[in-house]
Amino acid sequence: MPESTVGRPLRADAQRNRLKVLAAAERVLAKDGSAASMREIARQAGVGLATIYRQFPTKEALYEAVVVERVRRLLDHAHAAAHATDPGDAFFTFFTFAVTETTGEKALVDSLAVAGLDPKAGTAPMHRDLEKATGVLLRRAQAAGAVRAEVGMAEVLALITAMCLAADRQHWDEQLRTRSLTVVFDGLRPQLRP
């Protein structure tokens, strides 16, 4: 039985290997899509195939774990940002992190769909938690006067999604992403009256 399904925490070395495998899988999936090779993932992670199969018995299980890990990183970042002393900076930093972190997700979602998997299966509760955490950041930033009061969650989610899709399709480099975020953030901030 794989260590990850026993119900007890992984040993430190097994946890390190798991994180290396997930990071390598994310890179290989983004590059190769559904044709991603488990051997290539193992090579990039610096582990043997048996190490991968102990924790992920199928390629599909590994794909799903990659999606869960990506959502978990966003959720962890949102929760940490909720305790920042500057609510405006916390909101804009999280927005930037979300765009940066989810750029490339379309390739991963497409790979899951080709493999016959629902990319949102198993992460629906996490997505709801992420939306709630993002809402907290938005409300705090609005209360601090850093974000326009009329901006809602629908607009924030639409902007993050649109920026991620544009970055994916147009292969934005870091400079273009930074300039584009600056323009969007200027639109989210309250307008100064002359």
N, C-alpha and C. Protein backbone atom coordinates (compact mmCIF):
# COMPACT_ATOMS: atom_id res chain seq x y z
N MET A 1 0.85 -1.19 0.00
CA MET A 1 0.00 0.00 0.00
C MET A 1 0.89 1.24 0.00
N PRO A 2 0.61 2.24 -0.88
CA PRO A 2 1.44 3.44 -0.92
C PRO A 2 1.44 4.16 0.41
N GLU A 3 2.60 4.75 0.73
CA GLU A 3 2.72 5.45 2.01
C GLU A 3 1.68 6.55 2.15
N SER A 4 1.35 7.23 1.05
CA SER A 4 0.44 8.38 1.14
C SER A 4 -0.99 7.98 1.44
N THR A 5 -1.34 6.68 1.31
CA THR A 5 -2.72 6.28 1.56
C THR A 5 -2.88 5.58 2.90
N VAL A 6 -1.81 5.46 3.68
CA VAL A 6 -1.87 4.73 4.94
C VAL A 6 -2.57 5.54 6.01
N GLY A 7 -2.64 6.87 5.88
CA GLY A 7 -3.32 7.69 6.86
C GLY A 7 -2.39 8.26 7.90
N ARG A 8 -1.10 8.06 7.73
CA ARG A 8 -0.14 8.65 8.65
C ARG A 8 0.77 9.57 7.84
N PRO A 9 1.40 10.51 8.50
CA PRO A 9 2.27 11.44 7.76
C PRO A 9 3.42 10.71 7.08
N LEU A 10 3.85 11.27 5.95
CA LEU A 10 4.99 10.72 5.24
C LEU A 10 6.28 11.01 6.01
N ARG A 11 7.23 10.12 5.88
CA ARG A 11 8.57 10.39 6.43
C ARG A 11 9.11 11.63 5.72
N ALA A 12 10.08 12.28 6.33
CA ALA A 12 10.63 13.53 5.77
C ALA A 12 11.19 13.29 4.37
N ASP A 13 11.92 12.20 4.16
CA ASP A 13 12.49 11.94 2.83
C ASP A 13 11.39 11.64 1.81
N ALA A 14 10.36 10.93 2.22
CA ALA A 14 9.24 10.63 1.31
C ALA A 14 8.50 11.92 0.96
N GLN A 15 8.34 12.84 1.92
CA GLN A 15 7.68 14.12 1.65
C GLN A 15 8.52 14.96 0.69
N ARG A 16 9.84 14.98 0.88
CA ARG A 16 10.72 15.72 -0.05
C ARG A 16 10.60 15.15 -1.45
N ASN A 17 10.61 13.81 -1.55
CA ASN A 17 10.48 13.18 -2.87
C ASN A 17 9.14 13.51 -3.50
N ARG A 18 8.09 13.50 -2.70
CA ARG A 18 6.75 13.81 -3.21
C ARG A 18 6.74 15.22 -3.81
N LEU A 19 7.30 16.18 -3.09
CA LEU A 19 7.33 17.56 -3.59
C LEU A 19 8.16 17.68 -4.85
N LYS A 20 9.29 16.96 -4.92
CA LYS A 20 10.12 16.98 -6.13
C LYS A 20 9.36 16.38 -7.31
N VAL A 21 8.64 15.28 -7.06
CA VAL A 21 7.87 14.64 -8.13
C VAL A 21 6.76 15.56 -8.62
N LEU A 22 6.06 16.21 -7.70
CA LEU A 22 4.97 17.12 -8.09
C LEU A 22 5.50 18.30 -8.91
N ALA A 23 6.63 18.85 -8.49
CA ALA A 23 7.22 19.98 -9.22
C ALA A 23 7.66 19.54 -10.62
N ALA A 24 8.30 18.38 -10.71
CA ALA A 24 8.73 17.87 -12.01
C ALA A 24 7.53 17.55 -12.89
N ALA A 25 6.50 16.95 -12.30
CA ALA A 25 5.30 16.62 -13.08
C ALA A 25 4.65 17.88 -13.63
N GLU A 26 4.62 18.92 -12.84
CA GLU A 26 4.03 20.18 -13.29
C GLU A 26 4.79 20.73 -14.49
N ARG A 27 6.12 20.69 -14.43
CA ARG A 27 6.94 21.18 -15.56
C ARG A 27 6.73 20.32 -16.80
N VAL A 28 6.77 19.01 -16.64
CA VAL A 28 6.66 18.11 -17.78
C VAL A 28 5.26 18.18 -18.39
N LEU A 29 4.24 18.26 -17.55
CA LEU A 29 2.88 18.37 -18.07
C LEU A 29 2.68 19.67 -18.83
N ALA A 30 3.24 20.76 -18.31
CA ALA A 30 3.11 22.05 -18.99
C ALA A 30 3.77 22.00 -20.36
N LYS A 31 4.87 21.27 -20.47
CA LYS A 31 5.62 21.19 -21.73
C LYS A 31 5.04 20.15 -22.68
N ASP A 32 4.73 18.96 -22.18
CA ASP A 32 4.36 17.83 -23.03
C ASP A 32 2.88 17.48 -23.04
N GLY A 33 2.10 18.10 -22.15
CA GLY A 33 0.67 17.79 -22.10
C GLY A 33 0.41 16.34 -21.76
N SER A 34 -0.63 15.78 -22.36
CA SER A 34 -1.03 14.42 -22.02
C SER A 34 -0.01 13.37 -22.46
N ALA A 35 0.95 13.76 -23.28
CA ALA A 35 2.01 12.84 -23.70
C ALA A 35 3.14 12.77 -22.68
N ALA A 36 2.98 13.44 -21.56
CA ALA A 36 4.02 13.47 -20.53
C ALA A 36 4.41 12.05 -20.13
N SER A 37 5.70 11.85 -20.02
CA SER A 37 6.24 10.53 -19.69
C SER A 37 6.56 10.45 -18.19
N MET A 38 6.12 9.36 -17.56
CA MET A 38 6.45 9.14 -16.16
C MET A 38 7.97 9.01 -15.99
N ARG A 39 8.63 8.43 -16.98
CA ARG A 39 10.10 8.31 -16.92
C ARG A 39 10.75 9.69 -16.91
N GLU A 40 10.23 10.60 -17.73
CA GLU A 40 10.79 11.96 -17.77
C GLU A 40 10.52 12.69 -16.46
N ILE A 41 9.35 12.48 -15.89
CA ILE A 41 9.03 13.09 -14.60
C ILE A 41 9.99 12.57 -13.54
N ALA A 42 10.23 11.26 -13.53
CA ALA A 42 11.16 10.66 -12.57
C ALA A 42 12.57 11.22 -12.77
N ARG A 43 12.99 11.33 -14.04
CA ARG A 43 14.33 11.85 -14.33
C ARG A 43 14.48 13.27 -13.81
N GLN A 44 13.50 14.13 -14.11
CA GLN A 44 13.59 15.53 -13.67
C GLN A 44 13.49 15.67 -12.16
N ALA A 45 12.77 14.75 -11.52
CA ALA A 45 12.64 14.80 -10.06
C ALA A 45 13.86 14.21 -9.38
N GLY A 46 14.66 13.45 -10.12
CA GLY A 46 15.84 12.82 -9.53
C GLY A 46 15.49 11.62 -8.67
N VAL A 47 14.41 10.93 -9.04
CA VAL A 47 13.97 9.74 -8.30
C VAL A 47 13.72 8.61 -9.28
N GLY A 48 13.55 7.42 -8.76
CA GLY A 48 13.22 6.28 -9.60
C GLY A 48 11.73 6.18 -9.84
N LEU A 49 11.36 5.44 -10.88
CA LEU A 49 9.93 5.24 -11.17
C LEU A 49 9.20 4.62 -10.00
N ALA A 50 9.86 3.71 -9.30
CA ALA A 50 9.20 3.05 -8.16
C ALA A 50 8.81 4.06 -7.09
N THR A 51 9.64 5.08 -6.92
CA THR A 51 9.33 6.12 -5.94
C THR A 51 8.05 6.84 -6.32
N ILE A 52 7.87 7.12 -7.61
CA ILE A 52 6.64 7.78 -8.05
C ILE A 52 5.45 6.86 -7.83
N TYR A 53 5.57 5.61 -8.26
CA TYR A 53 4.43 4.69 -8.20
C TYR A 53 4.05 4.31 -6.77
N ARG A 54 4.97 4.46 -5.83
CA ARG A 54 4.61 4.20 -4.43
C ARG A 54 3.57 5.21 -3.94
N GLN A 55 3.70 6.43 -4.40
CA GLN A 55 2.78 7.48 -3.94
C GLN A 55 1.66 7.77 -4.94
N PHE A 56 1.93 7.52 -6.22
CA PHE A 56 0.94 7.80 -7.27
C PHE A 56 0.83 6.56 -8.16
N PRO A 57 -0.14 5.69 -7.88
CA PRO A 57 -0.21 4.42 -8.60
C PRO A 57 -0.49 4.54 -10.10
N THR A 58 -1.05 5.71 -10.52
CA THR A 58 -1.32 5.92 -11.95
C THR A 58 -0.91 7.33 -12.34
N LYS A 59 -0.76 7.52 -13.64
CA LYS A 59 -0.46 8.86 -14.15
C LYS A 59 -1.59 9.82 -13.79
N GLU A 60 -2.83 9.33 -13.86
CA GLU A 60 -3.98 10.16 -13.54
C GLU A 60 -3.95 10.63 -12.08
N ALA A 61 -3.54 9.73 -11.18
CA ALA A 61 -3.44 10.10 -9.77
C ALA A 61 -2.39 11.20 -9.58
N LEU A 62 -1.31 11.10 -10.33
CA LEU A 62 -0.27 12.13 -10.26
C LEU A 62 -0.79 13.46 -10.81
N TYR A 63 -1.50 13.42 -11.95
CA TYR A 63 -2.08 14.64 -12.52
C TYR A 63 -2.99 15.33 -11.50
N GLU A 64 -3.86 14.53 -10.88
CA GLU A 64 -4.78 15.10 -9.90
C GLU A 64 -4.04 15.71 -8.72
N ALA A 65 -2.97 15.05 -8.29
CA ALA A 65 -2.18 15.56 -7.17
C ALA A 65 -1.51 16.89 -7.53
N VAL A 66 -1.11 17.04 -8.79
CA VAL A 66 -0.51 18.30 -9.24
C VAL A 66 -1.53 19.43 -9.13
N VAL A 67 -2.76 19.17 -9.57
CA VAL A 67 -3.82 20.19 -9.49
C VAL A 67 -4.08 20.56 -8.03
N VAL A 68 -4.20 19.55 -7.17
CA VAL A 68 -4.46 19.79 -5.75
C VAL A 68 -3.33 20.63 -5.15
N GLU A 69 -2.08 20.31 -5.49
CA GLU A 69 -0.93 21.05 -4.95
C GLU A 69 -0.96 22.51 -5.41
N ARG A 70 -1.31 22.73 -6.68
CA ARG A 70 -1.38 24.12 -7.18
C ARG A 70 -2.45 24.92 -6.43
N VAL A 71 -3.62 24.32 -6.24
CA VAL A 71 -4.69 25.02 -5.52
C VAL A 71 -4.28 25.24 -4.07
N ARG A 72 -3.62 24.25 -3.46
CA ARG A 72 -3.17 24.38 -2.08
C ARG A 72 -2.18 25.54 -1.92
N ARG A 73 -1.28 25.71 -2.88
CA ARG A 73 -0.32 26.83 -2.81
C ARG A 73 -1.06 28.17 -2.83
N LEU A 74 -2.06 28.28 -3.71
CA LEU A 74 -2.85 29.51 -3.77
C LEU A 74 -3.58 29.76 -2.46
N LEU A 75 -4.18 28.70 -1.93
CA LEU A 75 -4.95 28.82 -0.68
C LEU A 75 -4.03 29.20 0.48
N ASP A 76 -2.88 28.56 0.57
CA ASP A 76 -1.92 28.89 1.63
C ASP A 76 -1.49 30.35 1.54
N HIS A 77 -1.23 30.80 0.31
CA HIS A 77 -0.81 32.19 0.11
C HIS A 77 -1.92 33.16 0.50
N ALA A 78 -3.16 32.84 0.13
CA ALA A 78 -4.29 33.70 0.48
C ALA A 78 -4.48 33.78 1.99
N HIS A 79 -4.37 32.64 2.66
CA HIS A 79 -4.52 32.65 4.12
C HIS A 79 -3.41 33.45 4.79
N ALA A 80 -2.18 33.30 4.31
CA ALA A 80 -1.08 34.07 4.88
C ALA A 80 -1.28 35.56 4.63
N ALA A 81 -1.75 35.92 3.44
CA ALA A 81 -1.95 37.33 3.09
C ALA A 81 -3.04 37.97 3.94
N ALA A 82 -4.00 37.17 4.40
CA ALA A 82 -5.10 37.71 5.21
C ALA A 82 -4.61 38.26 6.54
N HIS A 83 -3.39 37.89 6.95
CA HIS A 83 -2.85 38.37 8.22
C HIS A 83 -1.81 39.48 8.04
N ALA A 84 -1.63 39.93 6.82
CA ALA A 84 -0.65 40.98 6.55
C ALA A 84 -1.14 42.30 7.15
N THR A 85 -0.21 43.13 7.53
CA THR A 85 -0.58 44.40 8.16
C THR A 85 -1.10 45.43 7.15
N ASP A 86 -0.68 45.32 5.89
CA ASP A 86 -1.14 46.25 4.86
C ASP A 86 -2.12 45.52 3.95
N PRO A 87 -3.43 45.72 4.14
CA PRO A 87 -4.44 44.98 3.37
C PRO A 87 -4.36 45.22 1.86
N GLY A 88 -4.01 46.43 1.46
CA GLY A 88 -3.90 46.73 0.03
C GLY A 88 -2.75 45.97 -0.59
N ASP A 89 -1.60 46.03 0.04
CA ASP A 89 -0.44 45.30 -0.46
C ASP A 89 -0.72 43.80 -0.47
N ALA A 90 -1.39 43.30 0.57
CA ALA A 90 -1.71 41.87 0.64
C ALA A 90 -2.59 41.45 -0.54
N PHE A 91 -3.59 42.26 -0.86
CA PHE A 91 -4.49 41.94 -1.97
C PHE A 91 -3.73 41.92 -3.29
N PHE A 92 -2.96 42.98 -3.57
CA PHE A 92 -2.26 43.07 -4.85
C PHE A 92 -1.14 42.03 -4.96
N THR A 93 -0.49 41.72 -3.84
CA THR A 93 0.54 40.68 -3.86
C THR A 93 -0.09 39.31 -4.14
N PHE A 94 -1.25 39.05 -3.52
CA PHE A 94 -1.93 37.78 -3.80
C PHE A 94 -2.39 37.72 -5.25
N PHE A 95 -2.95 38.80 -5.76
CA PHE A 95 -3.41 38.84 -7.15
C PHE A 95 -2.23 38.50 -8.08
N THR A 96 -1.08 39.12 -7.83
CA THR A 96 0.12 38.85 -8.64
C THR A 96 0.51 37.38 -8.53
N PHE A 97 0.53 36.86 -7.31
CA PHE A 97 0.89 35.46 -7.09
C PHE A 97 -0.08 34.54 -7.83
N ALA A 98 -1.38 34.84 -7.77
CA ALA A 98 -2.38 34.00 -8.44
C ALA A 98 -2.16 33.98 -9.94
N VAL A 99 -1.88 35.12 -10.53
CA VAL A 99 -1.64 35.17 -11.98
C VAL A 99 -0.36 34.42 -12.32
N THR A 100 0.68 34.64 -11.55
CA THR A 100 1.95 33.97 -11.82
C THR A 100 1.82 32.46 -11.63
N GLU A 101 1.17 32.06 -10.55
CA GLU A 101 1.05 30.65 -10.20
C GLU A 101 0.15 29.88 -11.15
N THR A 102 -0.89 30.51 -11.66
CA THR A 102 -1.82 29.77 -12.50
C THR A 102 -1.54 29.93 -13.99
N THR A 103 -0.56 30.74 -14.34
CA THR A 103 -0.15 30.79 -15.74
C THR A 103 0.39 29.40 -16.09
N GLY A 104 -0.05 28.87 -17.19
CA GLY A 104 0.35 27.52 -17.58
C GLY A 104 -0.66 26.47 -17.16
N GLU A 105 -1.68 26.88 -16.42
CA GLU A 105 -2.66 25.90 -15.93
C GLU A 105 -3.51 25.35 -17.05
N LYS A 106 -3.71 26.12 -18.13
CA LYS A 106 -4.53 25.64 -19.23
C LYS A 106 -3.94 24.35 -19.80
N ALA A 107 -2.63 24.30 -19.96
CA ALA A 107 -2.00 23.08 -20.49
C ALA A 107 -2.26 21.90 -19.56
N LEU A 108 -2.21 22.15 -18.27
CA LEU A 108 -2.46 21.09 -17.30
C LEU A 108 -3.91 20.65 -17.35
N VAL A 109 -4.84 21.60 -17.40
CA VAL A 109 -6.27 21.27 -17.46
C VAL A 109 -6.58 20.50 -18.75
N ASP A 110 -5.98 20.95 -19.86
CA ASP A 110 -6.19 20.24 -21.13
C ASP A 110 -5.66 18.81 -21.05
N SER A 111 -4.52 18.62 -20.40
CA SER A 111 -3.95 17.28 -20.24
C SER A 111 -4.88 16.38 -19.45
N LEU A 112 -5.46 16.93 -18.40
CA LEU A 112 -6.39 16.15 -17.58
C LEU A 112 -7.64 15.78 -18.39
N ALA A 113 -8.13 16.72 -19.17
CA ALA A 113 -9.33 16.46 -19.97
C ALA A 113 -9.05 15.36 -21.00
N VAL A 114 -7.88 15.42 -21.64
CA VAL A 114 -7.50 14.39 -22.62
C VAL A 114 -7.41 13.03 -21.93
N ALA A 115 -6.95 13.02 -20.68
CA ALA A 115 -6.84 11.77 -19.93
C ALA A 115 -8.18 11.30 -19.39
N GLY A 116 -9.25 12.08 -19.66
CA GLY A 116 -10.58 11.70 -19.21
C GLY A 116 -10.86 12.04 -17.76
N LEU A 117 -10.12 12.99 -17.23
CA LEU A 117 -10.30 13.38 -15.83
C LEU A 117 -10.91 14.76 -15.73
N ASP A 118 -11.71 14.96 -14.70
CA ASP A 118 -12.28 16.27 -14.42
C ASP A 118 -11.26 17.04 -13.59
N PRO A 119 -10.69 18.13 -14.14
CA PRO A 119 -9.66 18.86 -13.40
C PRO A 119 -10.13 19.45 -12.08
N LYS A 120 -11.45 19.59 -11.90
CA LYS A 120 -11.95 20.17 -10.66
C LYS A 120 -12.38 19.10 -9.66
N ALA A 121 -12.38 17.83 -10.11
CA ALA A 121 -12.77 16.76 -9.20
C ALA A 121 -11.79 16.71 -8.04
N GLY A 122 -12.31 16.64 -6.86
CA GLY A 122 -11.45 16.55 -5.68
C GLY A 122 -10.95 17.88 -5.16
N THR A 123 -11.12 18.95 -5.95
CA THR A 123 -10.64 20.25 -5.48
C THR A 123 -11.78 21.25 -5.29
N ALA A 124 -13.02 20.81 -5.52
CA ALA A 124 -14.15 21.74 -5.40
C ALA A 124 -14.19 22.43 -4.03
N PRO A 125 -14.04 21.67 -2.91
CA PRO A 125 -14.03 22.36 -1.62
C PRO A 125 -12.87 23.36 -1.49
N MET A 126 -11.71 23.01 -2.04
CA MET A 126 -10.56 23.90 -1.98
C MET A 126 -10.82 25.16 -2.80
N HIS A 127 -11.47 25.02 -3.96
CA HIS A 127 -11.79 26.19 -4.78
C HIS A 127 -12.76 27.11 -4.05
N ARG A 128 -13.74 26.53 -3.35
CA ARG A 128 -14.67 27.36 -2.56
C ARG A 128 -13.92 28.09 -1.46
N ASP A 129 -13.00 27.37 -0.78
CA ASP A 129 -12.19 28.01 0.27
C ASP A 129 -11.32 29.12 -0.31
N LEU A 130 -10.77 28.88 -1.50
CA LEU A 130 -9.92 29.88 -2.14
C LEU A 130 -10.74 31.12 -2.50
N GLU A 131 -11.95 30.91 -3.00
CA GLU A 131 -12.80 32.06 -3.32
C GLU A 131 -13.14 32.85 -2.06
N LYS A 132 -13.44 32.15 -0.96
CA LYS A 132 -13.72 32.84 0.31
C LYS A 132 -12.51 33.63 0.78
N ALA A 133 -11.33 33.01 0.72
CA ALA A 133 -10.11 33.67 1.19
C ALA A 133 -9.80 34.89 0.33
N THR A 134 -10.03 34.78 -0.98
CA THR A 134 -9.82 35.92 -1.87
C THR A 134 -10.81 37.03 -1.55
N GLY A 135 -12.04 36.64 -1.22
CA GLY A 135 -13.06 37.62 -0.82
C GLY A 135 -12.65 38.38 0.43
N VAL A 136 -12.04 37.68 1.38
CA VAL A 136 -11.55 38.33 2.60
C VAL A 136 -10.50 39.37 2.24
N LEU A 137 -9.56 39.00 1.36
CA LEU A 137 -8.50 39.93 0.96
C LEU A 137 -9.10 41.15 0.26
N LEU A 138 -10.08 40.91 -0.61
CA LEU A 138 -10.72 42.02 -1.32
C LEU A 138 -11.42 42.96 -0.34
N ARG A 139 -12.21 42.41 0.56
CA ARG A 139 -12.95 43.26 1.52
C ARG A 139 -12.00 44.05 2.42
N ARG A 140 -10.92 43.41 2.87
CA ARG A 140 -9.95 44.13 3.71
C ARG A 140 -9.30 45.28 2.93
N ALA A 141 -8.95 45.01 1.66
CA ALA A 141 -8.32 46.05 0.84
C ALA A 141 -9.30 47.19 0.57
N GLN A 142 -10.57 46.85 0.37
CA GLN A 142 -11.57 47.90 0.16
C GLN A 142 -11.78 48.72 1.43
N ALA A 143 -11.83 48.06 2.58
CA ALA A 143 -12.01 48.77 3.85
C ALA A 143 -10.84 49.72 4.12
N ALA A 144 -9.65 49.34 3.63
CA ALA A 144 -8.47 50.19 3.81
C ALA A 144 -8.37 51.28 2.74
N GLY A 145 -9.31 51.28 1.79
CA GLY A 145 -9.30 52.29 0.74
C GLY A 145 -8.31 52.00 -0.38
N ALA A 146 -7.81 50.78 -0.47
CA ALA A 146 -6.81 50.44 -1.48
C ALA A 146 -7.42 49.92 -2.77
N VAL A 147 -8.69 49.46 -2.70
CA VAL A 147 -9.39 48.93 -3.88
C VAL A 147 -10.75 49.61 -3.95
N ARG A 148 -11.17 49.93 -5.16
CA ARG A 148 -12.46 50.59 -5.36
C ARG A 148 -13.59 49.79 -4.75
N ALA A 149 -14.52 50.47 -4.11
CA ALA A 149 -15.61 49.83 -3.38
C ALA A 149 -16.56 49.05 -4.30
N GLU A 150 -16.68 49.49 -5.56
CA GLU A 150 -17.63 48.84 -6.46
C GLU A 150 -17.09 47.57 -7.12
N VAL A 151 -15.84 47.25 -6.87
CA VAL A 151 -15.25 46.03 -7.44
C VAL A 151 -15.75 44.82 -6.65
N GLY A 152 -16.24 43.83 -7.37
CA GLY A 152 -16.74 42.62 -6.72
C GLY A 152 -15.86 41.42 -7.02
N MET A 153 -16.18 40.31 -6.36
CA MET A 153 -15.42 39.08 -6.59
C MET A 153 -15.50 38.62 -8.04
N ALA A 154 -16.65 38.82 -8.66
CA ALA A 154 -16.79 38.39 -10.06
C ALA A 154 -15.76 39.09 -10.93
N GLU A 155 -15.56 40.38 -10.70
CA GLU A 155 -14.57 41.13 -11.50
C GLU A 155 -13.15 40.65 -11.19
N VAL A 156 -12.85 40.44 -9.92
CA VAL A 156 -11.51 40.00 -9.54
C VAL A 156 -11.20 38.64 -10.18
N LEU A 157 -12.13 37.70 -10.06
CA LEU A 157 -11.91 36.37 -10.64
C LEU A 157 -11.81 36.44 -12.16
N ALA A 158 -12.64 37.28 -12.78
CA ALA A 158 -12.58 37.43 -14.24
C ALA A 158 -11.23 38.00 -14.68
N LEU A 159 -10.73 38.99 -13.94
CA LEU A 159 -9.44 39.59 -14.30
C LEU A 159 -8.29 38.59 -14.14
N ILE A 160 -8.29 37.84 -13.04
CA ILE A 160 -7.23 36.84 -12.84
C ILE A 160 -7.28 35.80 -13.95
N THR A 161 -8.48 35.30 -14.24
CA THR A 161 -8.63 34.28 -15.29
C THR A 161 -8.20 34.82 -16.65
N ALA A 162 -8.65 36.02 -16.99
CA ALA A 162 -8.31 36.61 -18.29
C ALA A 162 -6.80 36.81 -18.42
N MET A 163 -6.17 37.28 -17.36
CA MET A 163 -4.73 37.51 -17.42
C MET A 163 -3.97 36.19 -17.57
N CYS A 164 -4.43 35.16 -16.88
CA CYS A 164 -3.76 33.85 -16.99
C CYS A 164 -3.89 33.30 -18.41
N LEU A 165 -5.09 33.39 -18.98
CA LEU A 165 -5.30 32.89 -20.34
C LEU A 165 -4.47 33.68 -21.35
N ALA A 166 -4.44 35.00 -21.20
CA ALA A 166 -3.65 35.82 -22.12
C ALA A 166 -2.17 35.50 -21.99
N ALA A 167 -1.71 35.35 -20.76
CA ALA A 167 -0.29 35.03 -20.53
C ALA A 167 0.07 33.69 -21.16
N ASP A 168 -0.84 32.71 -21.04
CA ASP A 168 -0.61 31.39 -21.64
C ASP A 168 -0.56 31.46 -23.17
N ARG A 169 -1.58 32.05 -23.72
CA ARG A 169 -1.72 32.04 -25.18
C ARG A 169 -0.67 32.91 -25.86
N GLN A 170 -0.30 34.01 -25.24
CA GLN A 170 0.64 34.94 -25.86
C GLN A 170 2.07 34.78 -25.33
N HIS A 171 2.27 33.81 -24.45
CA HIS A 171 3.60 33.52 -23.89
C HIS A 171 4.27 34.77 -23.32
N TRP A 172 3.54 35.41 -22.40
CA TRP A 172 4.06 36.62 -21.77
C TRP A 172 5.36 36.34 -21.04
N ASP A 173 6.29 37.26 -21.14
CA ASP A 173 7.47 37.19 -20.29
C ASP A 173 7.17 37.96 -19.01
N GLU A 174 8.11 37.94 -18.09
CA GLU A 174 7.87 38.57 -16.79
C GLU A 174 7.64 40.07 -16.90
N GLN A 175 8.35 40.73 -17.82
CA GLN A 175 8.19 42.18 -17.97
C GLN A 175 6.79 42.54 -18.46
N LEU A 176 6.29 41.79 -19.45
CA LEU A 176 4.95 42.08 -19.96
C LEU A 176 3.91 41.79 -18.88
N ARG A 177 4.09 40.71 -18.13
CA ARG A 177 3.15 40.40 -17.06
C ARG A 177 3.14 41.52 -16.02
N THR A 178 4.31 42.02 -15.65
CA THR A 178 4.41 43.09 -14.66
C THR A 178 3.73 44.36 -15.16
N ARG A 179 3.98 44.73 -16.42
CA ARG A 179 3.36 45.94 -16.97
C ARG A 179 1.84 45.78 -17.04
N SER A 180 1.38 44.60 -17.44
CA SER A 180 -0.07 44.35 -17.54
C SER A 180 -0.73 44.40 -16.18
N LEU A 181 -0.08 43.81 -15.17
CA LEU A 181 -0.62 43.86 -13.81
C LEU A 181 -0.69 45.30 -13.32
N THR A 182 0.28 46.10 -13.64
CA THR A 182 0.29 47.51 -13.23
C THR A 182 -0.93 48.24 -13.79
N VAL A 183 -1.24 47.99 -15.06
CA VAL A 183 -2.41 48.62 -15.68
C VAL A 183 -3.69 48.17 -15.00
N VAL A 184 -3.83 46.87 -14.76
CA VAL A 184 -5.02 46.34 -14.09
C VAL A 184 -5.14 46.90 -12.68
N PHE A 185 -4.04 46.92 -11.96
CA PHE A 185 -4.08 47.43 -10.58
C PHE A 185 -4.46 48.90 -10.54
N ASP A 186 -3.98 49.68 -11.52
CA ASP A 186 -4.38 51.09 -11.58
C ASP A 186 -5.89 51.21 -11.74
N GLY A 187 -6.50 50.30 -12.48
CA GLY A 187 -7.95 50.31 -12.66
C GLY A 187 -8.71 49.86 -11.43
N LEU A 188 -8.09 49.03 -10.58
CA LEU A 188 -8.74 48.55 -9.36
C LEU A 188 -8.65 49.55 -8.22
N ARG A 189 -7.64 50.41 -8.27
CA ARG A 189 -7.46 51.37 -7.19
C ARG A 189 -8.47 52.51 -7.30
N PRO A 190 -8.85 53.10 -6.15
CA PRO A 190 -9.76 54.25 -6.21
C PRO A 190 -9.15 55.39 -7.02
N GLN A 191 -9.98 56.03 -7.80
CA GLN A 191 -9.50 57.12 -8.64
C GLN A 191 -9.42 58.39 -7.82
N LEU A 192 -8.30 59.07 -7.94
CA LEU A 192 -8.14 60.35 -7.23
C LEU A 192 -8.93 61.44 -7.93
N ARG A 193 -9.66 62.19 -7.17
CA ARG A 193 -10.44 63.28 -7.76
C ARG A 193 -9.57 64.54 -7.79
N PRO A 194 -9.58 65.28 -8.92
CA PRO A 194 -8.76 66.52 -8.99
C PRO A 194 -9.29 67.59 -8.06
